[in-house]
Amino acid sequence: MTAVPPPTRTLPLIDHDNAAPPSTLIDVARHAGVSPSTVSRILNGTAKVSEDKRTAVMAAIEKMHFAPNQMAQGLKKGRSMTIGIVVQDISSPFFDETLRGVDDGLKGTGYASVIVSGHWNAVEETERIRLLLARKVDGIILLSGHLGDDTILQFANQRPIVSTGRELRTKSALGFKLDNENGAFMAVRHLVELGHRRIAFVTGPSHHRDADERLIGYKRALAESDIAYDDKLVVGGDFHESGGLLAVNHLFETNQQFTAVFAANDLSAYGVRLCLYRKGIRVPDDISLVGFDDLPGSSYTTPPLTTIRQPLYDMGRIATNALLALINGEPVMAQIPPLELVVRETTRRVR
């Protein structure tokens, strides 16, 4: 029996030449029974009209699927409808979370972002900011970095700037800072409450503001617990996995005795965990481990990492909202969520 092929199905052709043109502002005005200038002022938020007219205009916009040209509106205001974002390490999951918050904060605003990297280098950060200013961005978000406050304020004379990792508040510059010292204090205090007294600390890079503050918090927690500070238990790291691995390996090579490790960030803690695994040391049965950041992957390490949670996503959204407010000359209303200890499975009471 011969198989009968299925009938062919002809798709209708779309006549793009005769397709209905997109609705215009004039069409919306005619449908709502108002002038085009009234529609424009309502869209720009500058119109003082009755609620009935506003409702009629918004209903017409929705019915006619009218999409205002954000770029054209921006050009009329002398704006490029772009913002610049300076990150320090574009490959770091730390900045991934913050950028996700920035991206969500820009949704529906008509703004696009231009992302550049400063590589924790003040000279490169300066060059990148100048590049963004040359591209006529409407504002800049600076995520951490080594630039001095005075330099940032000078750039803010040209475009509004919002920076994380520092405290600033002027008409064109704003800085948000988390309490790194208290975060480190909470991490070490947690280990002390579990009975640990020989607590090693893998630091961040030298002369790094966040790393320096976390070292202060580490020392304060020891002092308030009547535990003597031992500089042999403090080993330099670099905020990367390899730095954490090498730091703890150094502790073993120098025959240091410790029952817990506090790592200055989660990436360092990942390296610490790998070093301990290779030496057959169990976490937390033999050594407890605490990180700092609460990166998305920290919930899925083996075992899941106890850490200090930074509100990375929230910081991105808050910085974006603050920058848009500065651009529009509006007051900035922002409240930064506090750091918090997230206890998972890498810490336990000393036997």
C-alpha atoms as a PDB file:
ATOM      1  CA  MET A   1       0.000   0.000   0.000  1.00  0.00           C
ATOM      2  CA  THR A   2       1.419   3.325  -1.052  1.00  0.00           C
ATOM      3  CA  ALA A   3       1.695   5.912   1.722  1.00  0.00           C
ATOM      4  CA  VAL A   4      -0.214   9.087   1.033  1.00  0.00           C
ATOM      5  CA  PRO A   5       1.794  12.198   1.886  1.00  0.00           C
ATOM      6  CA  PRO A   6       0.079  14.688   4.194  1.00  0.00           C
ATOM      7  CA  PRO A   7      -1.556  17.622   2.485  1.00  0.00           C
ATOM      8  CA  THR A   8       0.638  20.663   2.126  1.00  0.00           C
ATOM      9  CA  ARG A   9      -0.345  23.765   4.058  1.00  0.00           C
ATOM     10  CA  THR A  10       0.110  27.128   2.434  1.00  0.00           C
ATOM     11  CA  LEU A  11       0.889  29.931   4.870  1.00  0.00           C
ATOM     12  CA  PRO A  12      -0.742  33.260   4.095  1.00  0.00           C
ATOM     13  CA  LEU A  13       1.619  35.926   2.826  1.00  0.00           C
ATOM     14  CA  ILE A  14       1.939  39.080   4.879  1.00  0.00           C
ATOM     15  CA  ASP A  15       1.764  42.218   2.806  1.00  0.00           C
ATOM     16  CA  HIS A  16       4.180  44.443   4.670  1.00  0.00           C
ATOM     17  CA  ASP A  17       3.592  47.268   2.240  1.00  0.00           C
ATOM     18  CA  ASN A  18      -0.131  47.387   3.119  1.00  0.00           C
ATOM     19  CA  ALA A  19       0.259  46.610   6.854  1.00  0.00           C
ATOM     20  CA  ALA A  20      -1.376  49.077   9.203  1.00  0.00           C
ATOM     21  CA  PRO A  21       1.120  51.749  10.248  1.00  0.00           C
ATOM     22  CA  PRO A  22       1.913  52.048  13.954  1.00  0.00           C
ATOM     23  CA  SER A  23      -0.231  54.425  15.975  1.00  0.00           C
ATOM     24  CA  THR A  24       1.101  57.931  16.444  1.00  0.00           C
ATOM     25  CA  LEU A  25       0.757  60.479  19.201  1.00  0.00           C
ATOM     26  CA  ILE A  26      -1.767  62.347  17.021  1.00  0.00           C
ATOM     27  CA  ASP A  27      -3.881  59.171  16.708  1.00  0.00           C
ATOM     28  CA  VAL A  28      -3.905  58.805  20.493  1.00  0.00           C
ATOM     29  CA  ALA A  29      -4.881  62.445  20.940  1.00  0.00           C
ATOM     30  CA  ARG A  30      -7.749  62.152  18.438  1.00  0.00           C
ATOM     31  CA  HIS A  31      -9.032  58.959  20.102  1.00  0.00           C
ATOM     32  CA  ALA A  32      -8.842  60.483  23.594  1.00  0.00           C
ATOM     33  CA  GLY A  33     -10.387  63.780  22.520  1.00  0.00           C
ATOM     34  CA  VAL A  34      -7.440  65.924  23.622  1.00  0.00           C
ATOM     35  CA  SER A  35      -4.674  67.864  21.920  1.00  0.00           C
ATOM     36  CA  PRO A  36      -1.391  66.181  20.899  1.00  0.00           C
ATOM     37  CA  SER A  37       0.499  68.515  23.232  1.00  0.00           C
ATOM     38  CA  THR A  38      -1.616  67.283  26.167  1.00  0.00           C
ATOM     39  CA  VAL A  39      -0.708  63.666  25.351  1.00  0.00           C
ATOM     40  CA  SER A  40       2.967  64.619  25.134  1.00  0.00           C
ATOM     41  CA  ARG A  41       2.905  66.434  28.481  1.00  0.00           C
ATOM     42  CA  ILE A  42       1.123  63.518  30.166  1.00  0.00           C
ATOM     43  CA  LEU A  43       3.780  61.121  28.859  1.00  0.00           C
ATOM     44  CA  ASN A  44       6.521  63.435  30.098  1.00  0.00           C
ATOM     45  CA  GLY A  45       4.844  63.819  33.478  1.00  0.00           C
ATOM     46  CA  THR A  46       4.591  67.605  33.125  1.00  0.00           C
ATOM     47  CA  ALA A  47       0.871  67.987  32.451  1.00  0.00           C
ATOM     48  CA  LYS A  48      -1.621  69.283  35.016  1.00  0.00           C
ATOM     49  CA  VAL A  49      -4.855  67.819  33.681  1.00  0.00           C
ATOM     50  CA  SER A  50      -8.029  66.389  35.111  1.00  0.00           C
ATOM     51  CA  GLU A  51      -8.109  62.762  36.097  1.00  0.00           C
ATOM     52  CA  ASP A  52     -10.750  62.110  33.405  1.00  0.00           C
ATOM     53  CA  LYS A  53      -8.439  63.350  30.653  1.00  0.00           C
ATOM     54  CA  ARG A  54      -5.490  61.415  32.022  1.00  0.00           C
ATOM     55  CA  THR A  55      -7.591  58.244  32.188  1.00  0.00           C
ATOM     56  CA  ALA A  56      -8.825  58.771  28.623  1.00  0.00           C
ATOM     57  CA  VAL A  57      -5.282  59.242  27.306  1.00  0.00           C
ATOM     58  CA  MET A  58      -3.931  56.151  29.088  1.00  0.00           C
ATOM     59  CA  ALA A  59      -6.875  54.067  27.844  1.00  0.00           C
ATOM     60  CA  ALA A  60      -6.231  55.241  24.273  1.00  0.00           C
ATOM     61  CA  ILE A  61      -2.520  54.401  24.571  1.00  0.00           C
ATOM     62  CA  GLU A  62      -3.358  50.890  25.739  1.00  0.00           C
ATOM     63  CA  LYS A  63      -6.061  50.293  23.126  1.00  0.00           C
ATOM     64  CA  MET A  64      -3.956  51.533  20.232  1.00  0.00           C
ATOM     65  CA  HIS A  65      -0.725  49.825  21.463  1.00  0.00           C
ATOM     66  CA  PHE A  66       1.057  53.146  21.240  1.00  0.00           C
ATOM     67  CA  ALA A  67       4.779  52.971  22.075  1.00  0.00           C
ATOM     68  CA  PRO A  68       6.402  56.402  22.495  1.00  0.00           C
ATOM     69  CA  ASN A  69       9.821  56.798  20.955  1.00  0.00           C
ATOM     70  CA  GLN A  70      11.981  56.976  24.060  1.00  0.00           C
ATOM     71  CA  MET A  71      15.083  57.985  22.120  1.00  0.00           C
ATOM     72  CA  ALA A  72      13.282  60.841  20.421  1.00  0.00           C
ATOM     73  CA  GLN A  73      11.914  62.048  23.746  1.00  0.00           C
ATOM     74  CA  GLY A  74      15.381  61.865  25.223  1.00  0.00           C
ATOM     75  CA  LEU A  75      16.935  63.849  22.387  1.00  0.00           C
ATOM     76  CA  LYS A  76      14.358  66.612  22.892  1.00  0.00           C
ATOM     77  CA  LYS A  77      15.577  66.836  26.496  1.00  0.00           C
ATOM     78  CA  GLY A  78      19.222  66.767  25.445  1.00  0.00           C
ATOM     79  CA  ARG A  79      19.722  63.212  26.679  1.00  0.00           C
ATOM     80  CA  SER A  80      21.295  60.119  25.133  1.00  0.00           C
ATOM     81  CA  MET A  81      19.065  57.701  27.131  1.00  0.00           C
ATOM     82  CA  THR A  82      22.160  55.709  28.100  1.00  0.00           C
ATOM     83  CA  ILE A  83      23.927  55.277  31.425  1.00  0.00           C
ATOM     84  CA  GLY A  84      27.486  54.102  31.949  1.00  0.00           C
ATOM     85  CA  ILE A  85      28.376  51.342  34.398  1.00  0.00           C
ATOM     86  CA  VAL A  86      31.939  50.853  35.614  1.00  0.00           C
ATOM     87  CA  VAL A  87      32.533  47.395  37.100  1.00  0.00           C
ATOM     88  CA  GLN A  88      35.896  46.174  38.374  1.00  0.00           C
ATOM     89  CA  ASP A  89      35.931  42.559  37.187  1.00  0.00           C
ATOM     90  CA  ILE A  90      33.414  41.807  34.481  1.00  0.00           C
ATOM     91  CA  SER A  91      33.892  38.043  34.956  1.00  0.00           C
ATOM     92  CA  SER A  92      33.149  38.065  38.710  1.00  0.00           C
ATOM     93  CA  PRO A  93      29.852  36.598  39.954  1.00  0.00           C
ATOM     94  CA  PHE A  94      29.915  39.342  42.597  1.00  0.00           C
ATOM     95  CA  PHE A  95      29.321  41.961  39.911  1.00  0.00           C
ATOM     96  CA  ASP A  96      26.936  39.671  38.005  1.00  0.00           C
ATOM     97  CA  GLU A  97      24.397  39.919  40.830  1.00  0.00           C
ATOM     98  CA  THR A  98      24.735  43.693  41.091  1.00  0.00           C
ATOM     99  CA  LEU A  99      24.411  44.117  37.326  1.00  0.00           C
ATOM    100  CA  ARG A 100      21.259  42.010  37.385  1.00  0.00           C
ATOM    101  CA  GLY A 101      19.797  44.532  39.816  1.00  0.00           C
ATOM    102  CA  VAL A 102      20.866  47.413  37.562  1.00  0.00           C
ATOM    103  CA  ASP A 103      19.306  45.731  34.530  1.00  0.00           C
ATOM    104  CA  ASP A 104      15.997  45.184  36.303  1.00  0.00           C
ATOM    105  CA  GLY A 105      16.065  48.765  37.557  1.00  0.00           C
ATOM    106  CA  LEU A 106      16.344  50.051  33.976  1.00  0.00           C
ATOM    107  CA  LYS A 107      13.415  48.024  32.646  1.00  0.00           C
ATOM    108  CA  GLY A 108      10.634  50.229  31.368  1.00  0.00           C
ATOM    109  CA  THR A 109      12.676  53.440  31.671  1.00  0.00           C
ATOM    110  CA  GLY A 110      13.845  53.647  28.052  1.00  0.00           C
ATOM    111  CA  TYR A 111      17.464  53.659  29.199  1.00  0.00           C
ATOM    112  CA  ALA A 112      20.190  51.358  27.923  1.00  0.00           C
ATOM    113  CA  SER A 113      23.506  50.662  29.654  1.00  0.00           C
ATOM    114  CA  VAL A 114      27.118  50.779  28.505  1.00  0.00           C
ATOM    115  CA  ILE A 115      29.339  48.544  30.663  1.00  0.00           C
ATOM    116  CA  VAL A 116      33.099  48.975  31.026  1.00  0.00           C
ATOM    117  CA  SER A 117      35.668  47.490  33.420  1.00  0.00           C
ATOM    118  CA  GLY A 118      38.147  49.332  35.643  1.00  0.00           C
ATOM    119  CA  HIS A 119      40.105  46.256  36.826  1.00  0.00           C
ATOM    120  CA  TRP A 120      40.625  47.668  40.342  1.00  0.00           C
ATOM    121  CA  ASN A 121      42.961  50.268  38.868  1.00  0.00           C
ATOM    122  CA  ALA A 122      42.397  53.977  39.494  1.00  0.00           C
ATOM    123  CA  VAL A 123      44.074  54.978  36.212  1.00  0.00           C
ATOM    124  CA  GLU A 124      41.882  52.606  34.186  1.00  0.00           C
ATOM    125  CA  GLU A 125      38.766  53.703  36.075  1.00  0.00           C
ATOM    126  CA  THR A 126      39.563  57.320  35.184  1.00  0.00           C
ATOM    127  CA  GLU A 127      40.047  56.413  31.512  1.00  0.00           C
ATOM    128  CA  ARG A 128      36.783  54.457  31.397  1.00  0.00           C
ATOM    129  CA  ILE A 129      34.795  57.279  32.980  1.00  0.00           C
ATOM    130  CA  ARG A 130      36.240  59.746  30.477  1.00  0.00           C
ATOM    131  CA  LEU A 131      35.273  57.351  27.689  1.00  0.00           C
ATOM    132  CA  LEU A 132      31.700  57.186  28.981  1.00  0.00           C
ATOM    133  CA  LEU A 133      31.501  60.970  29.284  1.00  0.00           C
ATOM    134  CA  ALA A 134      32.737  61.282  25.689  1.00  0.00           C
ATOM    135  CA  ARG A 135      29.849  59.016  24.669  1.00  0.00           C
ATOM    136  CA  LYS A 136      27.448  61.485  26.298  1.00  0.00           C
ATOM    137  CA  VAL A 137      25.942  59.079  28.822  1.00  0.00           C
ATOM    138  CA  ASP A 138      23.375  60.730  31.067  1.00  0.00           C
ATOM    139  CA  GLY A 139      24.888  59.358  34.264  1.00  0.00           C
ATOM    140  CA  ILE A 140      27.351  56.809  35.637  1.00  0.00           C
ATOM    141  CA  ILE A 141      27.163  53.985  38.170  1.00  0.00           C
ATOM    142  CA  LEU A 142      30.569  53.163  39.652  1.00  0.00           C
ATOM    143  CA  LEU A 143      30.617  49.744  41.305  1.00  0.00           C
ATOM    144  CA  SER A 144      33.385  49.896  43.918  1.00  0.00           C
ATOM    145  CA  GLY A 145      36.881  50.803  42.742  1.00  0.00           C
ATOM    146  CA  HIS A 146      39.972  52.699  43.827  1.00  0.00           C
ATOM    147  CA  LEU A 147      39.143  56.230  42.700  1.00  0.00           C
ATOM    148  CA  GLY A 148      39.345  58.882  45.389  1.00  0.00           C
ATOM    149  CA  ASP A 149      36.216  60.758  46.424  1.00  0.00           C
ATOM    150  CA  ASP A 150      37.620  64.074  45.139  1.00  0.00           C
ATOM    151  CA  THR A 151      38.100  62.605  41.651  1.00  0.00           C
ATOM    152  CA  ILE A 152      34.554  61.262  41.598  1.00  0.00           C
ATOM    153  CA  LEU A 153      33.170  64.627  42.661  1.00  0.00           C
ATOM    154  CA  GLN A 154      35.062  66.305  39.830  1.00  0.00           C
ATOM    155  CA  PHE A 155      33.542  63.924  37.289  1.00  0.00           C
ATOM    156  CA  ALA A 156      30.119  64.455  38.891  1.00  0.00           C
ATOM    157  CA  ASN A 157      30.330  68.106  37.831  1.00  0.00           C
ATOM    158  CA  GLN A 158      29.828  66.821  34.274  1.00  0.00           C
ATOM    159  CA  ARG A 159      27.321  63.995  34.833  1.00  0.00           C
ATOM    160  CA  PRO A 160      25.560  62.534  37.902  1.00  0.00           C
ATOM    161  CA  ILE A 161      27.424  59.624  39.499  1.00  0.00           C
ATOM    162  CA  VAL A 162      26.274  56.977  41.956  1.00  0.00           C
ATOM    163  CA  SER A 163      29.001  54.856  43.548  1.00  0.00           C
ATOM    164  CA  THR A 164      28.942  51.805  45.788  1.00  0.00           C
ATOM    165  CA  GLY A 165      31.523  51.180  48.476  1.00  0.00           C
ATOM    166  CA  ARG A 166      31.801  54.767  49.722  1.00  0.00           C
ATOM    167  CA  GLU A 167      29.732  57.497  51.349  1.00  0.00           C
ATOM    168  CA  LEU A 168      28.959  60.546  49.207  1.00  0.00           C
ATOM    169  CA  ARG A 169      26.038  62.942  49.133  1.00  0.00           C
ATOM    170  CA  THR A 170      25.947  65.998  46.890  1.00  0.00           C
ATOM    171  CA  LYS A 171      23.478  67.268  44.296  1.00  0.00           C
ATOM    172  CA  SER A 172      25.191  65.249  41.568  1.00  0.00           C
ATOM    173  CA  ALA A 173      27.007  62.446  43.412  1.00  0.00           C
ATOM    174  CA  LEU A 174      25.771  59.785  45.775  1.00  0.00           C
ATOM    175  CA  GLY A 175      27.595  56.911  47.458  1.00  0.00           C
ATOM    176  CA  PHE A 176      26.255  53.836  49.261  1.00  0.00           C
ATOM    177  CA  LYS A 177      28.393  51.912  51.703  1.00  0.00           C
ATOM    178  CA  LEU A 178      27.790  48.629  53.503  1.00  0.00           C
ATOM    179  CA  ASP A 179      29.127  47.966  56.998  1.00  0.00           C
ATOM    180  CA  ASN A 180      31.976  45.588  56.147  1.00  0.00           C
ATOM    181  CA  GLU A 181      33.446  45.827  59.625  1.00  0.00           C
ATOM    182  CA  ASN A 182      30.237  44.707  61.282  1.00  0.00           C
ATOM    183  CA  GLY A 183      29.777  41.933  58.707  1.00  0.00           C
ATOM    184  CA  ALA A 184      33.187  40.498  59.572  1.00  0.00           C
ATOM    185  CA  PHE A 185      32.411  40.906  63.260  1.00  0.00           C
ATOM    186  CA  MET A 186      29.224  38.834  62.839  1.00  0.00           C
ATOM    187  CA  ALA A 187      31.108  36.087  60.978  1.00  0.00           C
ATOM    188  CA  VAL A 188      33.821  35.731  63.622  1.00  0.00           C
ATOM    189  CA  ARG A 189      31.371  36.108  66.484  1.00  0.00           C
ATOM    190  CA  HIS A 190      29.379  33.184  65.052  1.00  0.00           C
ATOM    191  CA  LEU A 191      32.499  31.011  65.135  1.00  0.00           C
ATOM    192  CA  VAL A 192      33.354  32.132  68.676  1.00  0.00           C
ATOM    193  CA  GLU A 193      29.845  31.236  69.845  1.00  0.00           C
ATOM    194  CA  LEU A 194      30.457  27.735  68.476  1.00  0.00           C
ATOM    195  CA  GLY A 195      33.516  27.441  70.706  1.00  0.00           C
ATOM    196  CA  HIS A 196      36.256  28.294  68.191  1.00  0.00           C
ATOM    197  CA  ARG A 197      39.234  30.274  69.476  1.00  0.00           C
ATOM    198  CA  ARG A 198      41.907  29.538  66.849  1.00  0.00           C
ATOM    199  CA  ILE A 199      40.250  31.270  63.889  1.00  0.00           C
ATOM    200  CA  ALA A 200      42.327  31.857  60.755  1.00  0.00           C
ATOM    201  CA  PHE A 201      41.509  34.776  58.461  1.00  0.00           C
ATOM    202  CA  VAL A 202      42.115  34.860  54.698  1.00  0.00           C
ATOM    203  CA  THR A 203      42.160  38.572  53.900  1.00  0.00           C
ATOM    204  CA  GLY A 204      41.444  40.457  50.706  1.00  0.00           C
ATOM    205  CA  PRO A 205      44.027  42.470  48.721  1.00  0.00           C
ATOM    206  CA  SER A 206      46.140  44.945  50.679  1.00  0.00           C
ATOM    207  CA  HIS A 207      45.013  48.587  50.532  1.00  0.00           C
ATOM    208  CA  HIS A 208      41.525  47.507  49.486  1.00  0.00           C
ATOM    209  CA  ARG A 209      38.872  49.424  51.431  1.00  0.00           C
ATOM    210  CA  ASP A 210      36.498  46.467  51.923  1.00  0.00           C
ATOM    211  CA  ALA A 211      39.329  44.105  52.876  1.00  0.00           C
ATOM    212  CA  ASP A 212      40.772  46.559  55.399  1.00  0.00           C
ATOM    213  CA  GLU A 213      37.396  47.033  57.079  1.00  0.00           C
ATOM    214  CA  ARG A 214      36.808  43.282  57.312  1.00  0.00           C
ATOM    215  CA  LEU A 215      40.187  42.852  58.999  1.00  0.00           C
ATOM    216  CA  ILE A 216      39.158  45.474  61.550  1.00  0.00           C
ATOM    217  CA  GLY A 217      35.924  43.562  62.188  1.00  0.00           C
ATOM    218  CA  TYR A 218      37.879  40.317  62.625  1.00  0.00           C
ATOM    219  CA  LYS A 219      40.165  41.922  65.187  1.00  0.00           C
ATOM    220  CA  ARG A 220      37.284  43.542  67.067  1.00  0.00           C
ATOM    221  CA  ALA A 221      35.392  40.248  67.364  1.00  0.00           C
ATOM    222  CA  LEU A 222      38.488  38.575  68.832  1.00  0.00           C
ATOM    223  CA  ALA A 223      39.128  41.426  71.252  1.00  0.00           C
ATOM    224  CA  GLU A 224      35.559  41.494  72.529  1.00  0.00           C
ATOM    225  CA  SER A 225      35.764  37.717  73.064  1.00  0.00           C
ATOM    226  CA  ASP A 226      39.045  37.962  75.012  1.00  0.00           C
ATOM    227  CA  ILE A 227      40.911  36.057  72.294  1.00  0.00           C
ATOM    228  CA  ALA A 228      44.450  37.229  71.604  1.00  0.00           C
ATOM    229  CA  TYR A 229      45.139  38.376  68.044  1.00  0.00           C
ATOM    230  CA  ASP A 230      47.716  36.145  66.326  1.00  0.00           C
ATOM    231  CA  ASP A 231      49.088  37.610  63.112  1.00  0.00           C
ATOM    232  CA  LYS A 232      50.352  34.150  62.080  1.00  0.00           C
ATOM    233  CA  LEU A 233      46.701  33.152  61.547  1.00  0.00           C
ATOM    234  CA  VAL A 234      46.094  36.081  59.176  1.00  0.00           C
ATOM    235  CA  VAL A 235      47.125  35.291  55.609  1.00  0.00           C
ATOM    236  CA  GLY A 236      46.876  37.544  52.579  1.00  0.00           C
ATOM    237  CA  GLY A 237      44.406  36.621  49.841  1.00  0.00           C
ATOM    238  CA  ASP A 238      43.223  38.360  46.682  1.00  0.00           C
ATOM    239  CA  PHE A 239      39.430  37.830  46.632  1.00  0.00           C
ATOM    240  CA  HIS A 240      39.883  34.948  44.145  1.00  0.00           C
ATOM    241  CA  GLU A 241      39.617  31.182  44.540  1.00  0.00           C
ATOM    242  CA  SER A 242      43.325  30.619  43.941  1.00  0.00           C
ATOM    243  CA  GLY A 243      44.214  33.120  46.640  1.00  0.00           C
ATOM    244  CA  GLY A 244      42.095  31.288  49.198  1.00  0.00           C
ATOM    245  CA  LEU A 245      43.663  27.957  48.310  1.00  0.00           C
ATOM    246  CA  LEU A 246      47.226  29.285  48.547  1.00  0.00           C
ATOM    247  CA  ALA A 247      46.527  31.131  51.796  1.00  0.00           C
ATOM    248  CA  VAL A 248      45.301  28.066  53.673  1.00  0.00           C
ATOM    249  CA  ASN A 249      48.022  25.940  52.182  1.00  0.00           C
ATOM    250  CA  HIS A 250      50.498  28.430  53.692  1.00  0.00           C
ATOM    251  CA  LEU A 251      48.901  27.937  57.109  1.00  0.00           C
ATOM    252  CA  PHE A 252      49.538  24.204  56.869  1.00  0.00           C
ATOM    253  CA  GLU A 253      53.083  24.673  55.587  1.00  0.00           C
ATOM    254  CA  THR A 254      53.881  26.844  58.613  1.00  0.00           C
ATOM    255  CA  ASN A 255      52.255  24.341  60.986  1.00  0.00           C
ATOM    256  CA  GLN A 256      49.579  26.710  62.300  1.00  0.00           C
ATOM    257  CA  GLN A 257      46.877  25.211  64.500  1.00  0.00           C
ATOM    258  CA  PHE A 258      43.299  26.392  63.826  1.00  0.00           C
ATOM    259  CA  THR A 259      39.763  25.009  63.997  1.00  0.00           C
ATOM    260  CA  ALA A 260      38.008  27.546  61.763  1.00  0.00           C
ATOM    261  CA  VAL A 261      38.638  29.812  58.771  1.00  0.00           C
ATOM    262  CA  PHE A 262      36.954  33.103  57.991  1.00  0.00           C
ATOM    263  CA  ALA A 263      37.467  34.044  54.336  1.00  0.00           C
ATOM    264  CA  ALA A 264      37.106  37.695  53.303  1.00  0.00           C
ATOM    265  CA  ASN A 265      34.785  36.741  50.438  1.00  0.00           C
ATOM    266  CA  ASP A 266      32.982  33.700  49.061  1.00  0.00           C
ATOM    267  CA  LEU A 267      35.388  33.139  46.164  1.00  0.00           C
ATOM    268  CA  SER A 268      38.264  32.889  48.630  1.00  0.00           C
ATOM    269  CA  ALA A 269      36.168  30.474  50.704  1.00  0.00           C
ATOM    270  CA  TYR A 270      35.744  28.246  47.639  1.00  0.00           C
ATOM    271  CA  GLY A 271      39.524  28.028  47.336  1.00  0.00           C
ATOM    272  CA  VAL A 272      39.860  27.303  51.060  1.00  0.00           C
ATOM    273  CA  ARG A 273      37.327  24.499  50.729  1.00  0.00           C
ATOM    274  CA  LEU A 274      39.250  22.942  47.835  1.00  0.00           C
ATOM    275  CA  CYS A 275      42.526  23.025  49.755  1.00  0.00           C
ATOM    276  CA  LEU A 276      40.928  21.335  52.765  1.00  0.00           C
ATOM    277  CA  TYR A 277      39.324  18.705  50.523  1.00  0.00           C
ATOM    278  CA  ARG A 278      42.653  17.853  48.909  1.00  0.00           C
ATOM    279  CA  LYS A 279      44.191  17.349  52.329  1.00  0.00           C
ATOM    280  CA  GLY A 280      41.391  15.065  53.440  1.00  0.00           C
ATOM    281  CA  ILE A 281      40.103  17.573  56.005  1.00  0.00           C
ATOM    282  CA  ARG A 282      36.348  17.516  56.500  1.00  0.00           C
ATOM    283  CA  VAL A 283      34.197  20.646  56.601  1.00  0.00           C
ATOM    284  CA  PRO A 284      32.738  21.277  59.119  1.00  0.00           C
ATOM    285  CA  ASP A 285      33.656  18.133  61.092  1.00  0.00           C
ATOM    286  CA  ASP A 286      37.355  19.046  61.301  1.00  0.00           C
ATOM    287  CA  ILE A 287      37.417  22.733  60.361  1.00  0.00           C
ATOM    288  CA  SER A 288      34.563  25.248  60.128  1.00  0.00           C
ATOM    289  CA  LEU A 289      34.426  27.762  57.293  1.00  0.00           C
ATOM    290  CA  VAL A 290      32.646  31.115  56.825  1.00  0.00           C
ATOM    291  CA  GLY A 291      32.636  33.320  53.704  1.00  0.00           C
ATOM    292  CA  PHE A 292      31.431  36.823  52.885  1.00  0.00           C
ATOM    293  CA  ASP A 293      29.046  37.868  50.041  1.00  0.00           C
ATOM    294  CA  ASP A 294      26.506  35.034  49.673  1.00  0.00           C
ATOM    295  CA  LEU A 295      27.025  34.569  45.961  1.00  0.00           C
ATOM    296  CA  PRO A 296      24.375  32.444  44.199  1.00  0.00           C
ATOM    297  CA  GLY A 297      26.758  29.471  44.032  1.00  0.00           C
ATOM    298  CA  SER A 298      27.331  29.463  47.793  1.00  0.00           C
ATOM    299  CA  SER A 299      24.042  27.653  48.348  1.00  0.00           C
ATOM    300  CA  TYR A 300      25.295  24.795  46.166  1.00  0.00           C
ATOM    301  CA  THR A 301      28.836  24.176  47.411  1.00  0.00           C
ATOM    302  CA  THR A 302      29.586  20.904  49.179  1.00  0.00           C
ATOM    303  CA  PRO A 303      28.553  21.481  51.878  1.00  0.00           C
ATOM    304  CA  PRO A 304      26.548  24.720  51.409  1.00  0.00           C
ATOM    305  CA  LEU A 305      28.564  27.686  52.665  1.00  0.00           C
ATOM    306  CA  THR A 306      27.827  29.658  55.814  1.00  0.00           C
ATOM    307  CA  THR A 307      28.458  33.281  54.865  1.00  0.00           C
ATOM    308  CA  ILE A 308      27.628  36.956  55.326  1.00  0.00           C
ATOM    309  CA  ARG A 309      24.954  38.032  52.860  1.00  0.00           C
ATOM    310  CA  GLN A 310      25.519  41.256  50.980  1.00  0.00           C
ATOM    311  CA  PRO A 311      22.381  42.629  49.260  1.00  0.00           C
ATOM    312  CA  LEU A 312      24.133  42.667  45.881  1.00  0.00           C
ATOM    313  CA  TYR A 313      21.012  42.619  43.705  1.00  0.00           C
ATOM    314  CA  ASP A 314      19.329  45.257  45.865  1.00  0.00           C
ATOM    315  CA  MET A 315      22.402  47.472  45.641  1.00  0.00           C
ATOM    316  CA  GLY A 316      22.164  47.372  41.853  1.00  0.00           C
ATOM    317  CA  ARG A 317      18.512  48.373  41.853  1.00  0.00           C
ATOM    318  CA  ILE A 318      19.004  51.053  44.497  1.00  0.00           C
ATOM    319  CA  ALA A 319      21.974  52.549  42.644  1.00  0.00           C
ATOM    320  CA  THR A 320      19.959  52.629  39.401  1.00  0.00           C
ATOM    321  CA  ASN A 321      16.926  54.264  40.979  1.00  0.00           C
ATOM    322  CA  ALA A 322      19.164  56.804  42.700  1.00  0.00           C
ATOM    323  CA  LEU A 323      20.968  57.678  39.462  1.00  0.00           C
ATOM    324  CA  LEU A 324      17.711  58.140  37.549  1.00  0.00           C
ATOM    325  CA  ALA A 325      16.489  60.410  40.332  1.00  0.00           C
ATOM    326  CA  LEU A 326      19.675  62.512  40.121  1.00  0.00           C
ATOM    327  CA  ILE A 327      19.335  62.743  36.333  1.00  0.00           C
ATOM    328  CA  ASN A 328      15.735  63.952  36.670  1.00  0.00           C
ATOM    329  CA  GLY A 329      16.517  66.340  39.515  1.00  0.00           C
ATOM    330  CA  GLU A 330      14.337  64.400  41.938  1.00  0.00           C
ATOM    331  CA  PRO A 331      14.985  63.661  45.621  1.00  0.00           C
ATOM    332  CA  VAL A 332      16.707  60.348  46.287  1.00  0.00           C
ATOM    333  CA  MET A 333      14.919  57.996  48.653  1.00  0.00           C
ATOM    334  CA  ALA A 334      17.025  54.921  49.385  1.00  0.00           C
ATOM    335  CA  GLN A 335      17.453  52.525  52.264  1.00  0.00           C
ATOM    336  CA  ILE A 336      20.212  49.942  52.059  1.00  0.00           C
ATOM    337  CA  PRO A 337      19.337  46.500  53.484  1.00  0.00           C
ATOM    338  CA  PRO A 338      21.722  45.432  56.272  1.00  0.00           C
ATOM    339  CA  LEU A 339      24.235  42.621  56.044  1.00  0.00           C
ATOM    340  CA  GLU A 340      23.118  39.353  57.611  1.00  0.00           C
ATOM    341  CA  LEU A 341      24.650  36.068  58.704  1.00  0.00           C
ATOM    342  CA  VAL A 342      23.392  33.086  56.689  1.00  0.00           C
ATOM    343  CA  VAL A 343      24.094  29.878  58.579  1.00  0.00           C
ATOM    344  CA  ARG A 344      24.286  26.811  56.352  1.00  0.00           C
ATOM    345  CA  GLU A 345      26.378  23.666  56.714  1.00  0.00           C
ATOM    346  CA  THR A 346      30.075  24.648  56.875  1.00  0.00           C
ATOM    347  CA  THR A 347      30.144  25.573  60.579  1.00  0.00           C
ATOM    348  CA  ARG A 348      29.639  23.474  63.708  1.00  0.00           C
ATOM    349  CA  ARG A 349      30.364  23.542  67.406  1.00  0.00           C
ATOM    350  CA  VAL A 350      33.875  22.553  68.481  1.00  0.00           C
ATOM    351  CA  ARG A 351      33.899  19.038  69.900  1.00  0.00           C
END
